[in-house]
Amino acid sequence: MTAIATLGSHCALQVLKGAKDEGIKTILVCEKKREKLYKRFPFIDELILVDSFVEVLDQKCQQTLEQNDSVLIPHGTLIAQMSSEQIESIKTPIFGNKWILRWEADREKKEQLMREANLPMPRPVLNPNEISNLVIVKRQGAAGGKGYFMATSEEDYNTKRNELILQGIISKDESLYIQEYAAGVLAYLQFFYSPLKEELEFFGADQRHESDIEGLARIPSEQQLKNKKVPSFNVIGNSPLVLRESLLDEVYTMGDNFVEAAKKRVAPGMNGPFCIEGVYDENAKFTSFEFSARIVAGTNIYMDGSPYYSLLYNEPMSMGKRIAREIKNAKEANQLDKITT
């Protein structure tokens, strides 16, 4: 029988609880420093203890996963801690499309795919000397907001970049991506595409809470000006969001367009969970500034099911459980190769 495995971080608890709910064996690749934490949860059948998550590439770890006929569920920690080449070299079948994770990790490729999906996007700024409006500066890959900063001019950009280099948060040679800042209500739109059913499901929406940029709003403006520390966008947690029903048609259209663009650009396409991330302005117009080509941590708030999934399933259905259900159905239909890479 197939086992479901993942790395001990990000949304591992949701993924493995969902697998256990579907009657599937669970395996956690766990850093030794977190062993005590994960041993608290009875739905984890087996721990593979490592000093670093990169050890998932080692023959010993791969052999254990192979012996259990495992499917590895990718999440943000996999992308943050490994290069695209390392991820693509993993021999264990990966749920979804491991090739599209390269497009998530590379800002230029990410922008290209979003444009081909006709997603409304903020203008990219190719050079710091072209900054004329408020911009947000981002790192490559899944950094969880760490090292992001805002700037209003080339001088402001250089000052903040140099400060983050001095703090050791970003490296001197690191390539940064500059994008005009889109203001509005943050909305991270969570989807699941099933290649078995050839159907898109809208799972839910969330907002992310970032420290310490959120706290600045509670500080008087004159005191903000005296604060020389570059504010952090490090994600601390998530909260649920329910959209106006009139917005749902556009939400599904964006999801469908993204799935179709991914099929054409990076085979086998955007299978499994993904997220389109952006903001709604005062006219309820959506601007997307990111996508995540795998399960996102915002789904953790819906471990008993989301409002939108309660419309599709007459049972509690987390994203972790939905992934496990897809794997179980594929296994029974002898179609695991259709949902893994």
C-alpha atoms as a PDB file:
ATOM      1  CA  MET A   1       0.000   0.000   0.000  1.00  0.00           C
ATOM      2  CA  THR A   2       1.220   3.483  -0.857  1.00  0.00           C
ATOM      3  CA  ALA A   3       2.515   5.707   1.961  1.00  0.00           C
ATOM      4  CA  ILE A   4       2.375   9.496   2.073  1.00  0.00           C
ATOM      5  CA  ALA A   5       5.555  11.291   3.125  1.00  0.00           C
ATOM      6  CA  THR A   6       6.509  14.916   3.620  1.00  0.00           C
ATOM      7  CA  LEU A   7       9.062  17.141   5.347  1.00  0.00           C
ATOM      8  CA  GLY A   8       8.466  18.061   9.011  1.00  0.00           C
ATOM      9  CA  SER A   9       7.573  21.732   8.567  1.00  0.00           C
ATOM     10  CA  HIS A  10       5.104  24.133   6.911  1.00  0.00           C
ATOM     11  CA  CYS A  11       1.899  22.042   6.661  1.00  0.00           C
ATOM     12  CA  ALA A  12       3.156  18.547   7.516  1.00  0.00           C
ATOM     13  CA  LEU A  13       0.576  18.008  10.267  1.00  0.00           C
ATOM     14  CA  GLN A  14      -2.331  18.761   7.961  1.00  0.00           C
ATOM     15  CA  VAL A  15      -0.918  16.576   5.171  1.00  0.00           C
ATOM     16  CA  LEU A  16      -0.268  13.557   7.401  1.00  0.00           C
ATOM     17  CA  LYS A  17      -3.533  13.864   9.345  1.00  0.00           C
ATOM     18  CA  GLY A  18      -5.365  13.915   6.011  1.00  0.00           C
ATOM     19  CA  ALA A  19      -3.470  10.831   4.877  1.00  0.00           C
ATOM     20  CA  LYS A  20      -4.298   8.960   8.076  1.00  0.00           C
ATOM     21  CA  ASP A  21      -7.975   9.938   7.716  1.00  0.00           C
ATOM     22  CA  GLU A  22      -7.867   8.204   4.309  1.00  0.00           C
ATOM     23  CA  GLY A  23      -6.285   5.088   5.810  1.00  0.00           C
ATOM     24  CA  ILE A  24      -2.845   5.683   4.291  1.00  0.00           C
ATOM     25  CA  LYS A  25       0.475   5.093   6.080  1.00  0.00           C
ATOM     26  CA  THR A  26       2.284   8.316   7.013  1.00  0.00           C
ATOM     27  CA  ILE A  27       6.024   9.032   6.983  1.00  0.00           C
ATOM     28  CA  LEU A  28       7.678  12.228   8.202  1.00  0.00           C
ATOM     29  CA  VAL A  29      11.197  13.271   7.241  1.00  0.00           C
ATOM     30  CA  CYS A  30      11.973  15.056  10.492  1.00  0.00           C
ATOM     31  CA  GLU A  31      14.918  17.158  11.620  1.00  0.00           C
ATOM     32  CA  LYS A  32      16.222  15.789  14.910  1.00  0.00           C
ATOM     33  CA  LYS A  33      15.631  19.129  16.625  1.00  0.00           C
ATOM     34  CA  ARG A  34      11.864  18.758  15.976  1.00  0.00           C
ATOM     35  CA  GLU A  35      11.503  15.089  16.907  1.00  0.00           C
ATOM     36  CA  LYS A  36       9.900  15.904  20.277  1.00  0.00           C
ATOM     37  CA  LEU A  37       7.290  18.113  18.616  1.00  0.00           C
ATOM     38  CA  TYR A  38       6.141  15.621  16.015  1.00  0.00           C
ATOM     39  CA  LYS A  39       6.086  12.663  18.408  1.00  0.00           C
ATOM     40  CA  ARG A  40       3.125  14.362  20.074  1.00  0.00           C
ATOM     41  CA  PHE A  41       0.851  13.468  17.154  1.00  0.00           C
ATOM     42  CA  PRO A  42      -0.469   9.891  16.924  1.00  0.00           C
ATOM     43  CA  PHE A  43      -1.220   9.948  13.194  1.00  0.00           C
ATOM     44  CA  ILE A  44       2.491   9.914  12.239  1.00  0.00           C
ATOM     45  CA  ASP A  45       3.436   6.275  11.672  1.00  0.00           C
ATOM     46  CA  GLU A  46       7.151   6.604  10.984  1.00  0.00           C
ATOM     47  CA  LEU A  47       9.849   9.237  11.471  1.00  0.00           C
ATOM     48  CA  ILE A  48      12.950   9.434   9.302  1.00  0.00           C
ATOM     49  CA  LEU A  49      15.317  11.494  11.446  1.00  0.00           C
ATOM     50  CA  VAL A  50      17.790  13.775   9.660  1.00  0.00           C
ATOM     51  CA  ASP A  51      20.128  16.598  10.591  1.00  0.00           C
ATOM     52  CA  SER A  52      19.023  18.569   7.530  1.00  0.00           C
ATOM     53  CA  PHE A  53      16.130  18.213   5.094  1.00  0.00           C
ATOM     54  CA  VAL A  54      18.634  17.976   2.228  1.00  0.00           C
ATOM     55  CA  GLU A  55      19.264  14.423   3.465  1.00  0.00           C
ATOM     56  CA  VAL A  56      16.023  13.429   1.746  1.00  0.00           C
ATOM     57  CA  LEU A  57      18.275  13.189  -1.309  1.00  0.00           C
ATOM     58  CA  ASP A  58      20.527  10.593   0.350  1.00  0.00           C
ATOM     59  CA  GLN A  59      20.312   6.957  -0.705  1.00  0.00           C
ATOM     60  CA  LYS A  60      19.360   5.779   2.797  1.00  0.00           C
ATOM     61  CA  CYS A  61      16.344   8.079   2.985  1.00  0.00           C
ATOM     62  CA  GLN A  62      15.332   7.390  -0.611  1.00  0.00           C
ATOM     63  CA  GLN A  63      15.530   3.655   0.038  1.00  0.00           C
ATOM     64  CA  THR A  64      13.171   3.880   3.026  1.00  0.00           C
ATOM     65  CA  LEU A  65      10.697   5.913   1.003  1.00  0.00           C
ATOM     66  CA  GLU A  66      10.938   3.479  -1.909  1.00  0.00           C
ATOM     67  CA  GLN A  67      10.405   0.427   0.326  1.00  0.00           C
ATOM     68  CA  ASN A  68       7.158   2.019   1.532  1.00  0.00           C
ATOM     69  CA  ASP A  69       6.013   2.859  -1.995  1.00  0.00           C
ATOM     70  CA  SER A  70       5.878   6.495  -0.855  1.00  0.00           C
ATOM     71  CA  VAL A  71       4.518   9.587  -2.538  1.00  0.00           C
ATOM     72  CA  LEU A  72       6.265  12.765  -1.373  1.00  0.00           C
ATOM     73  CA  ILE A  73       4.073  15.843  -0.832  1.00  0.00           C
ATOM     74  CA  PRO A  74       6.025  19.047  -1.640  1.00  0.00           C
ATOM     75  CA  HIS A  75       5.492  22.264   0.295  1.00  0.00           C
ATOM     76  CA  GLY A  76       7.244  25.598   0.811  1.00  0.00           C
ATOM     77  CA  THR A  77      10.075  24.193   2.936  1.00  0.00           C
ATOM     78  CA  LEU A  78      11.165  21.886   0.116  1.00  0.00           C
ATOM     79  CA  ILE A  79      11.503  24.850  -2.244  1.00  0.00           C
ATOM     80  CA  ALA A  80      13.128  27.096   0.370  1.00  0.00           C
ATOM     81  CA  GLN A  81      15.817  24.591   1.346  1.00  0.00           C
ATOM     82  CA  MET A  82      16.661  22.901  -1.959  1.00  0.00           C
ATOM     83  CA  SER A  83      17.577  24.029  -5.447  1.00  0.00           C
ATOM     84  CA  SER A  84      15.399  23.158  -8.420  1.00  0.00           C
ATOM     85  CA  GLU A  85      18.064  20.693  -9.550  1.00  0.00           C
ATOM     86  CA  GLN A  86      17.987  18.922  -6.185  1.00  0.00           C
ATOM     87  CA  ILE A  87      14.188  18.699  -6.172  1.00  0.00           C
ATOM     88  CA  GLU A  88      14.132  17.353  -9.715  1.00  0.00           C
ATOM     89  CA  SER A  89      16.706  14.689  -8.782  1.00  0.00           C
ATOM     90  CA  ILE A  90      14.472  13.162  -6.060  1.00  0.00           C
ATOM     91  CA  LYS A  91      13.626   9.633  -7.159  1.00  0.00           C
ATOM     92  CA  THR A  92      10.580   9.266  -4.889  1.00  0.00           C
ATOM     93  CA  PRO A  93       7.394  10.119  -6.839  1.00  0.00           C
ATOM     94  CA  ILE A  94       6.380  13.698  -6.011  1.00  0.00           C
ATOM     95  CA  PHE A  95       2.696  14.587  -5.887  1.00  0.00           C
ATOM     96  CA  GLY A  96       1.817  17.152  -8.535  1.00  0.00           C
ATOM     97  CA  ASN A  97       4.402  18.483 -10.973  1.00  0.00           C
ATOM     98  CA  LYS A  98       7.940  18.846  -9.613  1.00  0.00           C
ATOM     99  CA  TRP A  99       9.021  20.595 -12.811  1.00  0.00           C
ATOM    100  CA  ILE A 100       6.689  23.547 -12.215  1.00  0.00           C
ATOM    101  CA  LEU A 101       8.372  24.197  -8.842  1.00  0.00           C
ATOM    102  CA  ARG A 102      11.313  25.612 -10.842  1.00  0.00           C
ATOM    103  CA  TRP A 103       8.909  28.170 -12.291  1.00  0.00           C
ATOM    104  CA  GLU A 104       7.742  29.104  -8.819  1.00  0.00           C
ATOM    105  CA  ALA A 105      11.308  29.562  -7.569  1.00  0.00           C
ATOM    106  CA  ASP A 106      12.426  31.776 -10.487  1.00  0.00           C
ATOM    107  CA  ARG A 107      10.814  35.237 -10.515  1.00  0.00           C
ATOM    108  CA  GLU A 108      11.206  35.756 -14.263  1.00  0.00           C
ATOM    109  CA  LYS A 109       9.723  32.362 -15.110  1.00  0.00           C
ATOM    110  CA  LYS A 110       6.959  32.987 -12.589  1.00  0.00           C
ATOM    111  CA  GLU A 111       6.069  36.281 -14.244  1.00  0.00           C
ATOM    112  CA  GLN A 112       6.087  34.648 -17.702  1.00  0.00           C
ATOM    113  CA  LEU A 113       3.651  31.913 -16.662  1.00  0.00           C
ATOM    114  CA  MET A 114       1.342  34.384 -14.943  1.00  0.00           C
ATOM    115  CA  ARG A 115       1.226  36.563 -18.050  1.00  0.00           C
ATOM    116  CA  GLU A 116       0.461  33.555 -20.245  1.00  0.00           C
ATOM    117  CA  ALA A 117      -2.429  32.804 -17.874  1.00  0.00           C
ATOM    118  CA  ASN A 118      -3.694  36.375 -18.399  1.00  0.00           C
ATOM    119  CA  LEU A 119      -3.484  37.119 -14.696  1.00  0.00           C
ATOM    120  CA  PRO A 120      -3.602  40.861 -13.933  1.00  0.00           C
ATOM    121  CA  MET A 121      -0.174  41.793 -12.560  1.00  0.00           C
ATOM    122  CA  PRO A 122       1.701  44.796 -11.184  1.00  0.00           C
ATOM    123  CA  ARG A 123       4.411  46.252 -13.424  1.00  0.00           C
ATOM    124  CA  PRO A 124       7.870  44.733 -12.895  1.00  0.00           C
ATOM    125  CA  VAL A 125      10.728  47.190 -12.435  1.00  0.00           C
ATOM    126  CA  LEU A 126      13.805  45.934 -14.272  1.00  0.00           C
ATOM    127  CA  ASN A 127      16.382  48.235 -12.694  1.00  0.00           C
ATOM    128  CA  PRO A 128      16.538  50.152  -9.385  1.00  0.00           C
ATOM    129  CA  ASN A 129      17.161  53.390 -11.310  1.00  0.00           C
ATOM    130  CA  GLU A 130      13.673  52.974 -12.838  1.00  0.00           C
ATOM    131  CA  ILE A 131      11.885  53.156  -9.477  1.00  0.00           C
ATOM    132  CA  SER A 132       9.415  56.044  -9.648  1.00  0.00           C
ATOM    133  CA  ASN A 133       6.552  54.773  -7.471  1.00  0.00           C
ATOM    134  CA  LEU A 134       6.311  52.622  -4.352  1.00  0.00           C
ATOM    135  CA  VAL A 135       7.762  49.179  -5.081  1.00  0.00           C
ATOM    136  CA  ILE A 136       8.186  45.932  -3.179  1.00  0.00           C
ATOM    137  CA  VAL A 137      11.485  44.086  -3.494  1.00  0.00           C
ATOM    138  CA  LYS A 138      11.393  40.297  -3.208  1.00  0.00           C
ATOM    139  CA  ARG A 139      13.839  37.440  -3.004  1.00  0.00           C
ATOM    140  CA  GLN A 140      13.772  34.447  -5.342  1.00  0.00           C
ATOM    141  CA  GLY A 141      11.957  31.277  -4.275  1.00  0.00           C
ATOM    142  CA  ALA A 142       9.801  30.554  -1.226  1.00  0.00           C
ATOM    143  CA  ALA A 143      11.330  32.883   1.357  1.00  0.00           C
ATOM    144  CA  GLY A 144       8.160  33.342   3.414  1.00  0.00           C
ATOM    145  CA  GLY A 145       8.500  37.117   3.100  1.00  0.00           C
ATOM    146  CA  LYS A 146      11.867  37.206   4.851  1.00  0.00           C
ATOM    147  CA  GLY A 147      14.149  39.798   3.294  1.00  0.00           C
ATOM    148  CA  TYR A 148      11.369  41.586   1.393  1.00  0.00           C
ATOM    149  CA  PHE A 149      11.303  45.377   1.606  1.00  0.00           C
ATOM    150  CA  MET A 150       9.589  48.434   0.141  1.00  0.00           C
ATOM    151  CA  ALA A 151      11.312  51.329  -1.587  1.00  0.00           C
ATOM    152  CA  THR A 152      10.359  54.628  -3.215  1.00  0.00           C
ATOM    153  CA  SER A 153      13.577  55.483  -5.091  1.00  0.00           C
ATOM    154  CA  GLU A 154      16.908  54.021  -6.168  1.00  0.00           C
ATOM    155  CA  GLU A 155      18.571  55.637  -3.133  1.00  0.00           C
ATOM    156  CA  ASP A 156      15.969  54.157  -0.797  1.00  0.00           C
ATOM    157  CA  TYR A 157      16.427  50.751  -2.475  1.00  0.00           C
ATOM    158  CA  ASN A 158      20.217  50.808  -2.060  1.00  0.00           C
ATOM    159  CA  THR A 159      20.024  51.948   1.579  1.00  0.00           C
ATOM    160  CA  LYS A 160      17.630  49.177   2.581  1.00  0.00           C
ATOM    161  CA  ARG A 161      19.363  46.512   0.519  1.00  0.00           C
ATOM    162  CA  ASN A 162      22.709  47.361   2.118  1.00  0.00           C
ATOM    163  CA  GLU A 163      21.155  47.290   5.591  1.00  0.00           C
ATOM    164  CA  LEU A 164      19.730  43.800   4.995  1.00  0.00           C
ATOM    165  CA  ILE A 165      23.123  42.641   3.703  1.00  0.00           C
ATOM    166  CA  LEU A 166      24.780  43.952   6.881  1.00  0.00           C
ATOM    167  CA  GLN A 167      22.185  42.083   8.964  1.00  0.00           C
ATOM    168  CA  GLY A 168      22.975  38.884   7.065  1.00  0.00           C
ATOM    169  CA  ILE A 169      19.362  38.535   5.882  1.00  0.00           C
ATOM    170  CA  ILE A 170      20.246  38.675   2.176  1.00  0.00           C
ATOM    171  CA  SER A 171      23.579  38.078   0.477  1.00  0.00           C
ATOM    172  CA  LYS A 172      25.590  40.631  -1.465  1.00  0.00           C
ATOM    173  CA  ASP A 173      25.285  38.706  -4.725  1.00  0.00           C
ATOM    174  CA  GLU A 174      21.621  37.788  -4.312  1.00  0.00           C
ATOM    175  CA  SER A 175      19.349  38.558  -7.242  1.00  0.00           C
ATOM    176  CA  LEU A 176      16.313  40.577  -6.140  1.00  0.00           C
ATOM    177  CA  TYR A 177      13.015  41.076  -7.956  1.00  0.00           C
ATOM    178  CA  ILE A 178      11.376  44.527  -8.004  1.00  0.00           C
ATOM    179  CA  GLN A 179       7.657  44.980  -8.577  1.00  0.00           C
ATOM    180  CA  GLU A 180       5.338  47.983  -8.280  1.00  0.00           C
ATOM    181  CA  TYR A 181       3.449  47.716  -4.999  1.00  0.00           C
ATOM    182  CA  ALA A 182      -0.226  46.766  -5.388  1.00  0.00           C
ATOM    183  CA  ALA A 183      -2.375  48.114  -2.560  1.00  0.00           C
ATOM    184  CA  GLY A 184      -5.633  46.564  -1.422  1.00  0.00           C
ATOM    185  CA  VAL A 185      -7.139  43.713   0.574  1.00  0.00           C
ATOM    186  CA  LEU A 186      -4.745  40.757   0.603  1.00  0.00           C
ATOM    187  CA  ALA A 187      -6.316  37.561  -0.754  1.00  0.00           C
ATOM    188  CA  TYR A 188      -4.504  34.268  -1.248  1.00  0.00           C
ATOM    189  CA  LEU A 189      -6.728  32.092  -3.451  1.00  0.00           C
ATOM    190  CA  GLN A 190      -6.321  28.344  -2.885  1.00  0.00           C
ATOM    191  CA  PHE A 191      -7.156  25.817  -5.610  1.00  0.00           C
ATOM    192  CA  PHE A 192      -6.945  22.113  -6.348  1.00  0.00           C
ATOM    193  CA  TYR A 193      -6.819  20.715  -9.887  1.00  0.00           C
ATOM    194  CA  SER A 194      -7.566  17.023 -10.343  1.00  0.00           C
ATOM    195  CA  PRO A 195      -6.136  15.457 -13.515  1.00  0.00           C
ATOM    196  CA  LEU A 196      -8.181  12.356 -12.678  1.00  0.00           C
ATOM    197  CA  LYS A 197     -11.461  14.261 -12.919  1.00  0.00           C
ATOM    198  CA  GLU A 198     -10.072  17.050 -15.149  1.00  0.00           C
ATOM    199  CA  GLU A 199     -11.753  19.467 -12.777  1.00  0.00           C
ATOM    200  CA  LEU A 200     -10.739  22.611 -10.907  1.00  0.00           C
ATOM    201  CA  GLU A 201     -11.869  23.102  -7.301  1.00  0.00           C
ATOM    202  CA  PHE A 202     -11.695  26.388  -5.395  1.00  0.00           C
ATOM    203  CA  PHE A 203     -10.671  25.414  -1.896  1.00  0.00           C
ATOM    204  CA  GLY A 204     -10.638  28.713  -0.004  1.00  0.00           C
ATOM    205  CA  ALA A 205      -8.923  32.009   0.660  1.00  0.00           C
ATOM    206  CA  ASP A 206      -6.712  33.352   3.405  1.00  0.00           C
ATOM    207  CA  GLN A 207      -4.775  36.387   4.501  1.00  0.00           C
ATOM    208  CA  ARG A 208      -1.202  36.310   5.810  1.00  0.00           C
ATOM    209  CA  HIS A 209       0.075  38.177   8.813  1.00  0.00           C
ATOM    210  CA  GLU A 210       3.573  39.552   8.425  1.00  0.00           C
ATOM    211  CA  SER A 211       5.885  40.849  11.104  1.00  0.00           C
ATOM    212  CA  ASP A 212       6.817  43.516  11.682  1.00  0.00           C
ATOM    213  CA  ILE A 213       5.274  45.435   8.798  1.00  0.00           C
ATOM    214  CA  GLU A 214       1.752  44.990  10.248  1.00  0.00           C
ATOM    215  CA  GLY A 215       2.758  46.493  13.588  1.00  0.00           C
ATOM    216  CA  LEU A 216       3.907  49.717  11.925  1.00  0.00           C
ATOM    217  CA  ALA A 217       0.295  50.687  11.266  1.00  0.00           C
ATOM    218  CA  ARG A 218      -0.168  51.036  15.036  1.00  0.00           C
ATOM    219  CA  ILE A 219       2.777  53.426  15.397  1.00  0.00           C
ATOM    220  CA  PRO A 220       2.280  57.200  14.854  1.00  0.00           C
ATOM    221  CA  SER A 221       3.741  58.357  11.523  1.00  0.00           C
ATOM    222  CA  GLU A 222       6.331  60.693  13.097  1.00  0.00           C
ATOM    223  CA  GLN A 223       7.696  57.789  15.146  1.00  0.00           C
ATOM    224  CA  GLN A 224       7.736  55.543  12.082  1.00  0.00           C
ATOM    225  CA  LEU A 225      10.076  58.032  10.418  1.00  0.00           C
ATOM    226  CA  LYS A 226      12.508  57.757  13.346  1.00  0.00           C
ATOM    227  CA  ASN A 227      12.627  53.973  13.056  1.00  0.00           C
ATOM    228  CA  LYS A 228      15.668  53.119  10.911  1.00  0.00           C
ATOM    229  CA  LYS A 229      15.145  49.353  10.944  1.00  0.00           C
ATOM    230  CA  VAL A 230      14.018  47.911   7.620  1.00  0.00           C
ATOM    231  CA  PRO A 231      10.533  46.432   8.300  1.00  0.00           C
ATOM    232  CA  SER A 232      10.218  42.663   7.836  1.00  0.00           C
ATOM    233  CA  PHE A 233       7.517  40.881   5.815  1.00  0.00           C
ATOM    234  CA  ASN A 234       8.215  37.546   7.533  1.00  0.00           C
ATOM    235  CA  VAL A 235       4.987  35.500   7.572  1.00  0.00           C
ATOM    236  CA  ILE A 236       3.888  34.613  11.129  1.00  0.00           C
ATOM    237  CA  GLY A 237       0.435  33.164  10.554  1.00  0.00           C
ATOM    238  CA  ASN A 238      -2.758  33.122   8.513  1.00  0.00           C
ATOM    239  CA  SER A 239      -6.412  33.953   8.966  1.00  0.00           C
ATOM    240  CA  PRO A 240      -9.493  32.901   6.948  1.00  0.00           C
ATOM    241  CA  LEU A 241     -11.176  35.042   4.333  1.00  0.00           C
ATOM    242  CA  VAL A 242     -14.588  34.562   2.713  1.00  0.00           C
ATOM    243  CA  LEU A 243     -15.031  36.439  -0.556  1.00  0.00           C
ATOM    244  CA  ARG A 244     -18.141  38.174  -1.858  1.00  0.00           C
ATOM    245  CA  GLU A 245     -20.001  35.590  -3.897  1.00  0.00           C
ATOM    246  CA  SER A 246     -20.004  37.903  -6.920  1.00  0.00           C
ATOM    247  CA  LEU A 247     -16.212  37.553  -7.088  1.00  0.00           C
ATOM    248  CA  LEU A 248     -16.231  33.760  -7.429  1.00  0.00           C
ATOM    249  CA  ASP A 249     -16.773  33.623 -11.189  1.00  0.00           C
ATOM    250  CA  GLU A 250     -13.554  35.585 -11.767  1.00  0.00           C
ATOM    251  CA  VAL A 251     -11.756  33.427  -9.189  1.00  0.00           C
ATOM    252  CA  TYR A 252     -12.620  30.246 -11.092  1.00  0.00           C
ATOM    253  CA  THR A 253     -11.702  31.885 -14.404  1.00  0.00           C
ATOM    254  CA  MET A 254      -8.244  32.819 -13.101  1.00  0.00           C
ATOM    255  CA  GLY A 255      -7.751  29.294 -11.788  1.00  0.00           C
ATOM    256  CA  ASP A 256      -8.848  27.724 -15.084  1.00  0.00           C
ATOM    257  CA  ASN A 257      -6.585  30.053 -17.071  1.00  0.00           C
ATOM    258  CA  PHE A 258      -3.617  29.210 -14.880  1.00  0.00           C
ATOM    259  CA  VAL A 259      -4.205  25.460 -15.264  1.00  0.00           C
ATOM    260  CA  GLU A 260      -4.417  25.786 -19.050  1.00  0.00           C
ATOM    261  CA  ALA A 261      -1.288  27.943 -19.284  1.00  0.00           C
ATOM    262  CA  ALA A 262       0.644  25.472 -17.122  1.00  0.00           C
ATOM    263  CA  LYS A 263      -0.401  22.542 -19.349  1.00  0.00           C
ATOM    264  CA  LYS A 264       1.017  24.327 -22.400  1.00  0.00           C
ATOM    265  CA  ARG A 265       4.185  25.633 -20.781  1.00  0.00           C
ATOM    266  CA  VAL A 266       5.384  22.975 -18.296  1.00  0.00           C
ATOM    267  CA  ALA A 267       4.024  19.448 -18.725  1.00  0.00           C
ATOM    268  CA  PRO A 268       2.125  17.759 -17.211  1.00  0.00           C
ATOM    269  CA  GLY A 269       0.697  21.051 -15.949  1.00  0.00           C
ATOM    270  CA  MET A 270      -0.561  22.398 -12.624  1.00  0.00           C
ATOM    271  CA  ASN A 271      -1.772  19.224 -10.946  1.00  0.00           C
ATOM    272  CA  GLY A 272      -2.892  19.210  -7.321  1.00  0.00           C
ATOM    273  CA  PRO A 273      -2.967  22.213  -5.000  1.00  0.00           C
ATOM    274  CA  PHE A 274      -1.836  25.719  -5.954  1.00  0.00           C
ATOM    275  CA  CYS A 275      -2.409  29.297  -4.901  1.00  0.00           C
ATOM    276  CA  ILE A 276      -2.842  32.589  -6.765  1.00  0.00           C
ATOM    277  CA  GLU A 277      -1.849  35.437  -4.481  1.00  0.00           C
ATOM    278  CA  GLY A 278      -2.796  39.081  -4.753  1.00  0.00           C
ATOM    279  CA  VAL A 279      -4.971  41.984  -3.623  1.00  0.00           C
ATOM    280  CA  TYR A 280      -8.432  43.412  -4.298  1.00  0.00           C
ATOM    281  CA  ASP A 281      -8.589  47.196  -4.786  1.00  0.00           C
ATOM    282  CA  GLU A 282     -11.444  49.569  -3.961  1.00  0.00           C
ATOM    283  CA  ASN A 283     -13.245  48.524  -7.166  1.00  0.00           C
ATOM    284  CA  ALA A 284     -12.921  44.813  -6.282  1.00  0.00           C
ATOM    285  CA  LYS A 285     -10.356  44.450  -9.076  1.00  0.00           C
ATOM    286  CA  PHE A 286      -7.845  41.680  -8.391  1.00  0.00           C
ATOM    287  CA  THR A 287      -4.123  42.101  -9.014  1.00  0.00           C
ATOM    288  CA  SER A 288      -1.989  38.976  -8.668  1.00  0.00           C
ATOM    289  CA  PHE A 289       1.625  39.279  -7.599  1.00  0.00           C
ATOM    290  CA  GLU A 290       2.574  35.632  -6.932  1.00  0.00           C
ATOM    291  CA  PHE A 291       1.644  32.021  -7.401  1.00  0.00           C
ATOM    292  CA  SER A 292       2.598  28.941  -5.393  1.00  0.00           C
ATOM    293  CA  ALA A 293       2.631  25.684  -7.338  1.00  0.00           C
ATOM    294  CA  ARG A 294       1.924  23.389  -4.357  1.00  0.00           C
ATOM    295  CA  ILE A 295       0.036  23.352  -1.071  1.00  0.00           C
ATOM    296  CA  VAL A 296       0.330  26.625   0.868  1.00  0.00           C
ATOM    297  CA  ALA A 297       0.458  27.058   4.642  1.00  0.00           C
ATOM    298  CA  GLY A 298      -2.721  29.147   4.537  1.00  0.00           C
ATOM    299  CA  THR A 299      -4.688  25.925   4.047  1.00  0.00           C
ATOM    300  CA  ASN A 300      -3.760  25.004   7.645  1.00  0.00           C
ATOM    301  CA  ILE A 301      -6.619  27.188   8.868  1.00  0.00           C
ATOM    302  CA  TYR A 302      -9.100  24.827   7.190  1.00  0.00           C
ATOM    303  CA  MET A 303      -8.099  21.472   8.705  1.00  0.00           C
ATOM    304  CA  ASP A 304     -11.789  20.694   9.277  1.00  0.00           C
ATOM    305  CA  GLY A 305     -12.719  21.937   5.824  1.00  0.00           C
ATOM    306  CA  SER A 306     -13.262  25.342   4.254  1.00  0.00           C
ATOM    307  CA  PRO A 307     -16.577  27.128   3.594  1.00  0.00           C
ATOM    308  CA  TYR A 308     -16.122  26.526  -0.141  1.00  0.00           C
ATOM    309  CA  TYR A 309     -15.260  22.846   0.200  1.00  0.00           C
ATOM    310  CA  SER A 310     -18.374  22.341   2.320  1.00  0.00           C
ATOM    311  CA  LEU A 311     -20.245  23.180  -0.902  1.00  0.00           C
ATOM    312  CA  LEU A 312     -18.423  20.421  -2.799  1.00  0.00           C
ATOM    313  CA  TYR A 313     -18.059  17.686  -0.174  1.00  0.00           C
ATOM    314  CA  ASN A 314     -20.542  16.434   2.405  1.00  0.00           C
ATOM    315  CA  GLU A 315     -17.739  15.727   4.864  1.00  0.00           C
ATOM    316  CA  PRO A 316     -14.866  17.667   6.480  1.00  0.00           C
ATOM    317  CA  MET A 317     -12.189  17.959   3.779  1.00  0.00           C
ATOM    318  CA  SER A 318      -8.848  19.634   4.415  1.00  0.00           C
ATOM    319  CA  MET A 319      -6.384  20.160   1.576  1.00  0.00           C
ATOM    320  CA  GLY A 320      -4.247  17.438   3.136  1.00  0.00           C
ATOM    321  CA  LYS A 321      -7.158  15.015   3.045  1.00  0.00           C
ATOM    322  CA  ARG A 322      -8.009  16.078  -0.525  1.00  0.00           C
ATOM    323  CA  ILE A 323      -4.445  15.250  -1.603  1.00  0.00           C
ATOM    324  CA  ALA A 324      -4.677  11.856   0.115  1.00  0.00           C
ATOM    325  CA  ARG A 325      -8.057  11.151  -1.516  1.00  0.00           C
ATOM    326  CA  GLU A 326      -6.568  11.902  -4.940  1.00  0.00           C
ATOM    327  CA  ILE A 327      -3.625   9.575  -4.285  1.00  0.00           C
ATOM    328  CA  LYS A 328      -5.933   6.804  -3.038  1.00  0.00           C
ATOM    329  CA  ASN A 329      -8.206   7.136  -6.066  1.00  0.00           C
ATOM    330  CA  ALA A 330      -5.242   7.137  -8.443  1.00  0.00           C
ATOM    331  CA  LYS A 331      -3.768   4.068  -6.767  1.00  0.00           C
ATOM    332  CA  GLU A 332      -7.047   2.165  -7.062  1.00  0.00           C
ATOM    333  CA  ALA A 333      -7.328   3.146 -10.735  1.00  0.00           C
ATOM    334  CA  ASN A 334      -3.659   2.289 -11.403  1.00  0.00           C
ATOM    335  CA  GLN A 335      -3.082   5.938 -12.434  1.00  0.00           C
ATOM    336  CA  LEU A 336      -0.466   7.163  -9.931  1.00  0.00           C
ATOM    337  CA  ASP A 337       1.716   8.238 -12.851  1.00  0.00           C
ATOM    338  CA  LYS A 338      -1.041  10.697 -13.830  1.00  0.00           C
ATOM    339  CA  ILE A 339      -0.759  12.661 -10.554  1.00  0.00           C
ATOM    340  CA  THR A 340       2.958  12.322  -9.726  1.00  0.00           C
ATOM    341  CA  THR A 341       6.284  13.217 -11.314  1.00  0.00           C
END
